[in-house]
N, C-alpha and C. Protein backbone atom coordinates (compact mmCIF):
# COMPACT_ATOMS: atom_id res chain seq x y z
N UNK A 1 -61.90 -22.79 -8.11
CA UNK A 1 -62.36 -23.66 -9.15
C UNK A 1 -61.44 -24.87 -9.33
N UNK A 2 -60.15 -24.70 -9.04
CA UNK A 2 -59.23 -25.81 -9.18
C UNK A 2 -59.46 -26.89 -8.13
N UNK A 3 -60.17 -26.55 -7.05
CA UNK A 3 -60.46 -27.52 -5.99
C UNK A 3 -61.93 -27.94 -5.99
N UNK A 4 -62.65 -27.60 -7.04
CA UNK A 4 -64.06 -27.93 -7.13
C UNK A 4 -64.24 -29.45 -7.15
N UNK A 5 -65.35 -29.92 -6.63
CA UNK A 5 -65.62 -31.37 -6.60
C UNK A 5 -65.97 -31.91 -7.99
N UNK A 6 -66.34 -31.05 -8.90
CA UNK A 6 -66.71 -31.45 -10.26
C UNK A 6 -65.45 -31.46 -11.15
N UNK A 7 -65.14 -32.62 -11.71
CA UNK A 7 -63.94 -32.77 -12.54
C UNK A 7 -63.98 -31.84 -13.76
N UNK A 8 -65.16 -31.62 -14.33
CA UNK A 8 -65.25 -30.74 -15.48
C UNK A 8 -64.89 -29.29 -15.13
N UNK A 9 -65.27 -28.87 -13.94
CA UNK A 9 -64.94 -27.52 -13.49
C UNK A 9 -63.43 -27.38 -13.30
N UNK A 10 -62.81 -28.38 -12.66
CA UNK A 10 -61.35 -28.35 -12.46
C UNK A 10 -60.63 -28.33 -13.80
N UNK A 11 -61.09 -29.17 -14.72
CA UNK A 11 -60.49 -29.26 -16.04
C UNK A 11 -60.62 -27.94 -16.79
N UNK A 12 -61.81 -27.35 -16.74
CA UNK A 12 -62.03 -26.07 -17.42
C UNK A 12 -61.18 -24.96 -16.82
N UNK A 13 -61.02 -24.97 -15.51
CA UNK A 13 -60.20 -23.96 -14.86
C UNK A 13 -58.74 -24.10 -15.29
N UNK A 14 -58.24 -25.32 -15.34
CA UNK A 14 -56.86 -25.54 -15.78
C UNK A 14 -56.69 -25.10 -17.23
N UNK A 15 -57.65 -25.44 -18.07
CA UNK A 15 -57.61 -25.07 -19.48
C UNK A 15 -57.57 -23.54 -19.62
N UNK A 16 -58.41 -22.87 -18.85
CA UNK A 16 -58.47 -21.40 -18.90
C UNK A 16 -57.15 -20.78 -18.44
N UNK A 17 -56.54 -21.34 -17.41
CA UNK A 17 -55.26 -20.82 -16.94
C UNK A 17 -54.19 -20.96 -18.02
N UNK A 18 -54.23 -22.07 -18.72
CA UNK A 18 -53.30 -22.26 -19.83
C UNK A 18 -53.48 -21.20 -20.89
N UNK A 19 -54.73 -20.88 -21.19
CA UNK A 19 -55.02 -19.84 -22.18
C UNK A 19 -54.56 -18.46 -21.72
N UNK A 20 -54.57 -18.23 -20.42
CA UNK A 20 -54.11 -16.95 -19.88
C UNK A 20 -52.61 -16.80 -20.09
N UNK A 21 -51.89 -17.90 -19.98
CA UNK A 21 -50.45 -17.88 -20.25
C UNK A 21 -49.63 -17.41 -19.06
N UNK A 22 -48.59 -16.64 -19.35
CA UNK A 22 -47.62 -16.23 -18.33
C UNK A 22 -48.26 -15.51 -17.15
N UNK A 23 -49.33 -14.81 -17.41
CA UNK A 23 -50.00 -14.08 -16.33
C UNK A 23 -50.58 -15.03 -15.28
N UNK A 24 -50.72 -16.30 -15.62
CA UNK A 24 -51.25 -17.29 -14.68
C UNK A 24 -50.14 -18.00 -13.91
N UNK A 25 -48.94 -17.43 -13.94
CA UNK A 25 -47.78 -18.08 -13.30
C UNK A 25 -47.99 -18.33 -11.81
N UNK A 26 -48.76 -17.48 -11.15
CA UNK A 26 -48.97 -17.67 -9.72
C UNK A 26 -49.84 -18.89 -9.41
N UNK A 27 -50.53 -19.41 -10.41
CA UNK A 27 -51.39 -20.58 -10.20
C UNK A 27 -50.64 -21.90 -10.40
N UNK A 28 -49.40 -21.85 -10.83
CA UNK A 28 -48.67 -23.08 -11.12
C UNK A 28 -48.60 -24.02 -9.91
N UNK A 29 -48.35 -23.46 -8.74
CA UNK A 29 -48.25 -24.32 -7.55
C UNK A 29 -49.58 -25.00 -7.23
N UNK A 30 -50.69 -24.37 -7.60
CA UNK A 30 -52.00 -24.97 -7.37
C UNK A 30 -52.32 -26.03 -8.42
N UNK A 31 -51.66 -25.96 -9.57
CA UNK A 31 -51.89 -26.94 -10.63
C UNK A 31 -51.13 -28.25 -10.38
N UNK A 32 -49.98 -28.17 -9.70
CA UNK A 32 -49.16 -29.37 -9.50
C UNK A 32 -49.95 -30.54 -8.90
N UNK A 33 -50.72 -30.34 -7.82
CA UNK A 33 -51.46 -31.47 -7.25
C UNK A 33 -52.50 -32.05 -8.21
N UNK A 34 -52.96 -31.23 -9.15
CA UNK A 34 -53.98 -31.72 -10.09
C UNK A 34 -53.41 -32.68 -11.13
N UNK A 35 -52.10 -32.81 -11.16
CA UNK A 35 -51.51 -33.84 -12.02
C UNK A 35 -51.85 -35.24 -11.51
N UNK A 36 -52.37 -35.32 -10.28
CA UNK A 36 -52.81 -36.59 -9.69
C UNK A 36 -54.33 -36.73 -9.71
N UNK A 37 -55.01 -35.82 -10.41
CA UNK A 37 -56.47 -35.83 -10.45
C UNK A 37 -56.98 -37.19 -10.91
N UNK A 38 -58.11 -37.60 -10.37
CA UNK A 38 -58.70 -38.88 -10.76
C UNK A 38 -59.25 -38.85 -12.18
N UNK A 39 -59.48 -37.66 -12.71
CA UNK A 39 -60.03 -37.51 -14.06
C UNK A 39 -58.91 -37.40 -15.09
N UNK A 40 -58.87 -38.33 -16.02
CA UNK A 40 -57.79 -38.37 -17.00
C UNK A 40 -57.83 -37.14 -17.91
N UNK A 41 -59.00 -36.68 -18.28
CA UNK A 41 -59.11 -35.48 -19.12
C UNK A 41 -58.60 -34.27 -18.35
N UNK A 42 -58.94 -34.21 -17.08
CA UNK A 42 -58.46 -33.11 -16.25
C UNK A 42 -56.96 -33.09 -16.14
N UNK A 43 -56.35 -34.27 -15.96
CA UNK A 43 -54.89 -34.33 -15.90
C UNK A 43 -54.27 -33.84 -17.21
N UNK A 44 -54.89 -34.19 -18.32
CA UNK A 44 -54.40 -33.73 -19.61
C UNK A 44 -54.49 -32.22 -19.75
N UNK A 45 -55.59 -31.66 -19.27
CA UNK A 45 -55.75 -30.20 -19.33
C UNK A 45 -54.75 -29.50 -18.42
N UNK A 46 -54.43 -30.11 -17.30
CA UNK A 46 -53.43 -29.54 -16.40
C UNK A 46 -52.05 -29.57 -17.08
N UNK A 47 -51.71 -30.69 -17.68
CA UNK A 47 -50.43 -30.79 -18.38
C UNK A 47 -50.34 -29.77 -19.51
N UNK A 48 -51.43 -29.62 -20.24
CA UNK A 48 -51.46 -28.64 -21.33
C UNK A 48 -51.31 -27.21 -20.78
N UNK A 49 -51.92 -26.96 -19.63
CA UNK A 49 -51.80 -25.63 -19.00
C UNK A 49 -50.35 -25.34 -18.65
N UNK A 50 -49.65 -26.34 -18.09
CA UNK A 50 -48.23 -26.15 -17.78
C UNK A 50 -47.45 -25.83 -19.05
N UNK A 51 -47.75 -26.55 -20.11
CA UNK A 51 -47.06 -26.32 -21.39
C UNK A 51 -47.31 -24.88 -21.88
N UNK A 52 -48.56 -24.47 -21.90
CA UNK A 52 -48.90 -23.14 -22.41
C UNK A 52 -48.30 -22.03 -21.54
N UNK A 53 -48.39 -22.20 -20.22
CA UNK A 53 -47.85 -21.19 -19.32
C UNK A 53 -46.33 -21.13 -19.46
N UNK A 54 -45.70 -22.29 -19.53
CA UNK A 54 -44.25 -22.35 -19.69
C UNK A 54 -43.77 -21.68 -20.96
N UNK A 55 -44.43 -21.97 -22.09
CA UNK A 55 -44.04 -21.33 -23.35
C UNK A 55 -44.30 -19.83 -23.31
N UNK A 56 -45.39 -19.44 -22.69
CA UNK A 56 -45.70 -18.02 -22.58
C UNK A 56 -44.67 -17.30 -21.71
N UNK A 57 -44.24 -17.96 -20.63
CA UNK A 57 -43.20 -17.37 -19.78
C UNK A 57 -41.90 -17.20 -20.55
N UNK A 58 -41.60 -18.19 -21.37
CA UNK A 58 -40.38 -18.12 -22.15
C UNK A 58 -40.42 -16.92 -23.10
N UNK A 59 -41.56 -16.70 -23.71
CA UNK A 59 -41.71 -15.57 -24.63
C UNK A 59 -41.65 -14.23 -23.90
N UNK A 60 -42.14 -14.20 -22.66
CA UNK A 60 -42.24 -12.95 -21.92
C UNK A 60 -41.18 -12.82 -20.82
N UNK A 61 -40.12 -13.60 -20.92
CA UNK A 61 -39.11 -13.62 -19.87
C UNK A 61 -38.53 -12.24 -19.58
N UNK A 62 -38.48 -11.39 -20.56
CA UNK A 62 -37.92 -10.05 -20.35
C UNK A 62 -38.83 -9.17 -19.49
N UNK A 63 -40.11 -9.52 -19.38
CA UNK A 63 -41.06 -8.70 -18.63
C UNK A 63 -41.40 -9.27 -17.26
N UNK A 64 -40.88 -10.44 -16.96
CA UNK A 64 -41.15 -11.09 -15.68
C UNK A 64 -39.96 -10.83 -14.76
N UNK A 65 -40.22 -10.52 -13.50
CA UNK A 65 -39.11 -10.30 -12.57
C UNK A 65 -38.37 -11.61 -12.36
N UNK A 66 -37.13 -11.52 -11.98
CA UNK A 66 -36.33 -12.74 -11.77
C UNK A 66 -36.93 -13.59 -10.65
N UNK A 67 -37.49 -12.95 -9.63
CA UNK A 67 -38.11 -13.72 -8.54
C UNK A 67 -39.34 -14.47 -9.05
N UNK A 68 -40.18 -13.80 -9.84
CA UNK A 68 -41.36 -14.45 -10.40
C UNK A 68 -40.96 -15.61 -11.31
N UNK A 69 -39.93 -15.39 -12.10
CA UNK A 69 -39.45 -16.43 -13.00
C UNK A 69 -38.89 -17.61 -12.22
N UNK A 70 -38.15 -17.36 -11.15
CA UNK A 70 -37.62 -18.44 -10.31
C UNK A 70 -38.73 -19.28 -9.71
N UNK A 71 -39.76 -18.62 -9.22
CA UNK A 71 -40.90 -19.35 -8.63
C UNK A 71 -41.59 -20.18 -9.70
N UNK A 72 -41.82 -19.59 -10.86
CA UNK A 72 -42.49 -20.32 -11.95
C UNK A 72 -41.66 -21.52 -12.39
N UNK A 73 -40.36 -21.32 -12.54
CA UNK A 73 -39.48 -22.42 -12.95
C UNK A 73 -39.49 -23.53 -11.90
N UNK A 74 -39.46 -23.16 -10.64
CA UNK A 74 -39.51 -24.16 -9.57
C UNK A 74 -40.80 -24.98 -9.63
N UNK A 75 -41.91 -24.31 -9.87
CA UNK A 75 -43.18 -25.03 -9.98
C UNK A 75 -43.22 -25.91 -11.22
N UNK A 76 -42.66 -25.43 -12.32
CA UNK A 76 -42.59 -26.25 -13.53
C UNK A 76 -41.70 -27.47 -13.31
N UNK A 77 -40.59 -27.28 -12.60
CA UNK A 77 -39.70 -28.41 -12.30
C UNK A 77 -40.41 -29.44 -11.43
N UNK A 78 -41.20 -28.98 -10.46
CA UNK A 78 -41.97 -29.90 -9.62
C UNK A 78 -42.94 -30.71 -10.46
N UNK A 79 -43.58 -30.06 -11.39
CA UNK A 79 -44.53 -30.74 -12.27
C UNK A 79 -43.83 -31.78 -13.14
N UNK A 80 -42.69 -31.40 -13.70
CA UNK A 80 -41.95 -32.33 -14.54
C UNK A 80 -41.44 -33.53 -13.75
N UNK A 81 -41.00 -33.30 -12.53
CA UNK A 81 -40.55 -34.39 -11.67
C UNK A 81 -41.69 -35.35 -11.40
N UNK A 82 -42.86 -34.80 -11.11
CA UNK A 82 -44.02 -35.64 -10.85
C UNK A 82 -44.37 -36.46 -12.09
N UNK A 83 -44.35 -35.84 -13.26
CA UNK A 83 -44.67 -36.55 -14.50
C UNK A 83 -43.66 -37.66 -14.75
N UNK A 84 -42.38 -37.39 -14.53
CA UNK A 84 -41.34 -38.41 -14.74
C UNK A 84 -41.54 -39.59 -13.78
N UNK A 85 -41.85 -39.29 -12.52
CA UNK A 85 -42.09 -40.36 -11.54
C UNK A 85 -43.32 -41.17 -11.91
N UNK A 86 -44.34 -40.51 -12.39
CA UNK A 86 -45.57 -41.21 -12.79
C UNK A 86 -45.30 -42.11 -13.98
N UNK A 87 -44.52 -41.64 -14.94
CA UNK A 87 -44.18 -42.45 -16.10
C UNK A 87 -43.38 -43.68 -15.67
N UNK A 88 -42.44 -43.50 -14.75
CA UNK A 88 -41.64 -44.62 -14.27
C UNK A 88 -42.51 -45.65 -13.58
N UNK A 89 -43.46 -45.21 -12.77
CA UNK A 89 -44.36 -46.13 -12.09
C UNK A 89 -45.30 -46.82 -13.07
N UNK A 90 -45.70 -46.11 -14.11
CA UNK A 90 -46.62 -46.67 -15.10
C UNK A 90 -45.94 -47.77 -15.93
N UNK A 91 -44.65 -47.59 -16.23
CA UNK A 91 -43.96 -48.56 -17.08
C UNK A 91 -43.53 -49.81 -16.35
N UNK A 92 -43.67 -49.83 -15.03
CA UNK A 92 -43.24 -51.01 -14.26
C UNK A 92 -44.29 -52.08 -14.30
């Protein structure tokens, strides 16, 4: 669904993953490319999904293995780096 040709489907999938929270940690790497989605609403839903998953991981850190947490943090860092680069390009 994250690779669907319909922007609404991609957006809804990202939104749903955010609602799932920490359990959706394995989808983080698939969400990173969607930060470049042509649909502005979809990009917003992807960013919100990262926020929700990140906060959920923080709350459930005691139940996540260190390897799972490392992977999730790495994917979150990739997303933040992309957002920072996009902001820098936008302000120029």
